Amino acid sequence: MSYKRIEVGDKIPSFTLKNQDGDLFTVDNSIGKPMVIYFYPKDDTPGCVKEACKFRDEFEDFLQLGALVIGISGDSVESHKKFKDKYNLPFILLADIDNKVRKLFGVPKSMVFLPGRVTYVIDKSGTIQYIFNSQFGAEKHIENALKKLRGL
């Protein structure tokens, strides 16, 4: 089965995954508020720690904009729990163990073997407003997402 990469203007695909506490999270239940969904390669690796901690450090800005921040990787619920606790992350981490949601979004691999690092900004109606794809410069994902949210 091949997946089409979602683009700006597309509706967010429906999905349900377990969060860091093992509870089910269904994205459709969050339509009505802006969201930042970011896909990252792996818990507790240097670039991913930088990115997650930058989201943490700027979290107050996302809250003020009414936005939900959601991180997604192929790591397990247990791995996400450890990652969240170790770095005191205030946002949702979702376990996409079989990469189904990554495929739904059409997130490309980078450098052939690494899962891609892509951030999506979604408006209140569930429409993708911005996509930032960059394996490097992890902290840029946060700056760009905030800039776009402020313009919604």
Protein backbone atom coordinates (compact mmCIF):
# COMPACT_ATOMS: atom_id res chain seq x y z
CA MET A 1 0.00 0.00 0.00
CA SER A 2 1.49 3.33 -0.97
CA TYR A 3 0.70 6.52 0.88
CA LYS A 4 0.40 10.01 -0.54
CA ARG A 5 2.24 12.68 1.38
CA ILE A 6 -0.22 15.13 2.89
CA GLU A 7 0.16 18.75 1.85
CA VAL A 8 -0.82 22.20 3.08
CA GLY A 9 -4.58 22.55 2.65
CA ASP A 10 -5.27 18.85 3.30
CA LYS A 11 -7.39 17.69 6.23
CA ILE A 12 -5.49 15.91 8.99
CA PRO A 13 -5.86 12.12 8.73
CA SER A 14 -7.84 10.44 11.52
CA PHE A 15 -5.79 8.29 13.87
CA THR A 16 -5.73 6.84 17.37
CA LEU A 17 -2.50 5.96 19.23
CA LYS A 18 -1.48 5.29 22.81
CA ASN A 19 0.12 8.14 24.72
CA GLN A 20 3.01 7.94 27.19
CA ASP A 21 0.61 6.69 29.90
CA GLY A 22 -0.88 3.94 27.73
CA ASP A 23 -4.15 5.86 27.24
CA LEU A 24 -5.71 6.09 23.78
CA PHE A 25 -5.51 9.48 22.08
CA THR A 26 -7.80 10.12 19.10
CA VAL A 27 -6.84 13.17 17.08
CA ASP A 28 -10.42 13.81 15.90
CA ASN A 29 -11.32 14.68 19.52
CA SER A 30 -8.90 17.63 19.36
CA ILE A 31 -10.27 19.27 16.23
CA GLY A 32 -11.52 22.67 17.31
CA LYS A 33 -8.16 23.82 18.63
CA PRO A 34 -4.93 24.40 16.74
CA MET A 35 -2.36 21.61 16.91
CA VAL A 36 1.32 21.16 16.30
CA ILE A 37 2.13 17.54 15.49
CA TYR A 38 5.78 16.72 15.17
CA PHE A 39 7.27 13.44 14.04
CA TYR A 40 10.75 12.72 15.33
CA PRO A 41 13.14 9.80 14.87
CA LYS A 42 13.79 8.40 18.37
CA ASP A 43 13.42 9.15 22.07
CA ASP A 44 16.48 10.33 23.98
CA THR A 45 18.81 10.85 21.00
CA PRO A 46 20.70 14.16 20.70
CA GLY A 47 18.60 15.92 18.03
CA CYS A 48 15.33 14.66 19.49
CA VAL A 49 16.27 15.78 23.00
CA LYS A 50 17.08 19.27 21.65
CA GLU A 51 13.79 19.45 19.78
CA ALA A 52 11.66 18.13 22.68
CA CYS A 53 13.36 20.42 25.21
CA LYS A 54 12.85 23.44 22.93
CA PHE A 55 9.13 22.56 22.66
CA ARG A 56 9.16 22.27 26.48
CA ASP A 57 10.91 25.60 26.95
CA GLU A 58 8.48 27.38 24.59
CA PHE A 59 5.43 25.45 25.80
CA GLU A 60 3.91 28.48 27.52
CA ASP A 61 3.80 30.26 24.13
CA PHE A 62 1.93 27.32 22.58
CA LEU A 63 -0.53 27.33 25.51
CA GLN A 64 -1.17 31.06 25.09
CA LEU A 65 -2.03 30.38 21.45
CA GLY A 66 -4.41 27.61 22.55
CA ALA A 67 -2.38 25.00 20.67
CA LEU A 68 -1.95 21.35 21.50
CA VAL A 69 1.60 20.00 21.01
CA ILE A 70 1.95 16.33 20.10
CA GLY A 71 5.18 14.42 19.49
CA ILE A 72 5.07 11.12 17.57
CA SER A 73 7.76 8.50 17.07
CA GLY A 74 7.97 4.73 16.64
CA ASP A 75 9.10 4.26 20.24
CA SER A 76 7.07 2.27 22.79
CA VAL A 77 4.73 3.69 25.44
CA GLU A 78 7.35 2.80 28.09
CA SER A 79 10.12 4.60 26.19
CA HIS A 80 7.91 7.70 25.83
CA LYS A 81 7.12 7.66 29.57
CA LYS A 82 10.85 7.58 30.44
CA PHE A 83 11.63 10.31 27.88
CA LYS A 84 8.80 12.53 29.15
CA ASP A 85 9.80 12.07 32.80
CA LYS A 86 13.56 12.47 32.23
CA TYR A 87 13.15 15.84 30.47
CA ASN A 88 9.94 16.99 32.21
CA LEU A 89 8.07 17.29 28.90
CA PRO A 90 4.63 18.93 29.34
CA PHE A 91 3.07 17.72 26.09
CA ILE A 92 1.66 14.49 24.64
CA LEU A 93 3.94 11.81 23.20
CA LEU A 94 2.29 9.17 21.02
CA ALA A 95 3.64 5.69 20.29
CA ASP A 96 3.42 4.89 16.57
CA ILE A 97 5.14 1.54 16.97
CA ASP A 98 4.27 0.16 13.52
CA ASN A 99 4.66 3.60 11.85
CA LYS A 100 1.05 3.57 10.57
CA VAL A 101 0.46 7.24 11.37
CA ARG A 102 3.86 8.25 9.96
CA LYS A 103 2.76 6.53 6.73
CA LEU A 104 -0.71 8.17 6.85
CA PHE A 105 1.00 11.57 6.85
CA GLY A 106 3.51 10.42 4.22
CA VAL A 107 6.47 11.42 6.41
CA PRO A 108 9.56 10.61 4.36
CA LYS A 109 12.65 8.89 5.66
CA SER A 110 15.72 11.07 5.71
CA MET A 111 19.20 9.92 4.77
CA VAL A 112 17.65 6.60 3.62
CA PHE A 113 17.46 4.89 7.04
CA LEU A 114 16.37 7.50 9.61
CA PRO A 115 12.68 8.22 10.20
CA GLY A 116 12.06 11.81 9.12
CA ARG A 117 11.71 14.86 11.37
CA VAL A 118 8.63 16.75 10.17
CA THR A 119 6.38 19.27 11.95
CA TYR A 120 2.78 20.02 10.95
CA VAL A 121 0.74 23.04 12.07
CA ILE A 122 -2.99 22.33 11.96
CA ASP A 123 -5.72 24.95 12.35
CA LYS A 124 -8.93 24.65 14.40
CA SER A 125 -10.81 23.06 11.50
CA GLY A 126 -8.25 20.24 11.17
CA THR A 127 -6.59 21.64 8.03
CA ILE A 128 -2.81 21.48 7.58
CA GLN A 129 -1.54 25.08 7.41
CA TYR A 130 2.22 24.52 7.48
CA ILE A 131 4.75 21.72 7.04
CA PHE A 132 8.42 21.94 8.01
CA ASN A 133 10.67 19.04 7.02
CA SER A 134 14.26 19.16 8.25
CA GLN A 135 16.32 16.41 9.87
CA PHE A 136 18.86 18.98 11.07
CA GLY A 137 18.27 22.22 12.94
CA ALA A 138 15.75 20.50 15.23
CA GLU A 139 15.09 23.73 17.15
CA LYS A 140 13.94 25.50 13.96
CA HIS A 141 10.80 23.34 14.04
CA ILE A 142 9.61 25.15 17.17
CA GLU A 143 10.41 28.68 15.95
CA ASN A 144 8.67 28.06 12.62
CA ALA A 145 5.61 26.43 14.25
CA LEU A 146 5.13 29.36 16.64
CA LYS A 147 5.50 31.88 13.82
CA LYS A 148 2.83 30.09 11.78
CA LEU A 149 0.45 29.67 14.75
CA ARG A 150 0.66 33.37 15.51
CA GLY A 151 -0.54 34.04 11.96
CA LEU A 152 -3.61 31.76 12.16
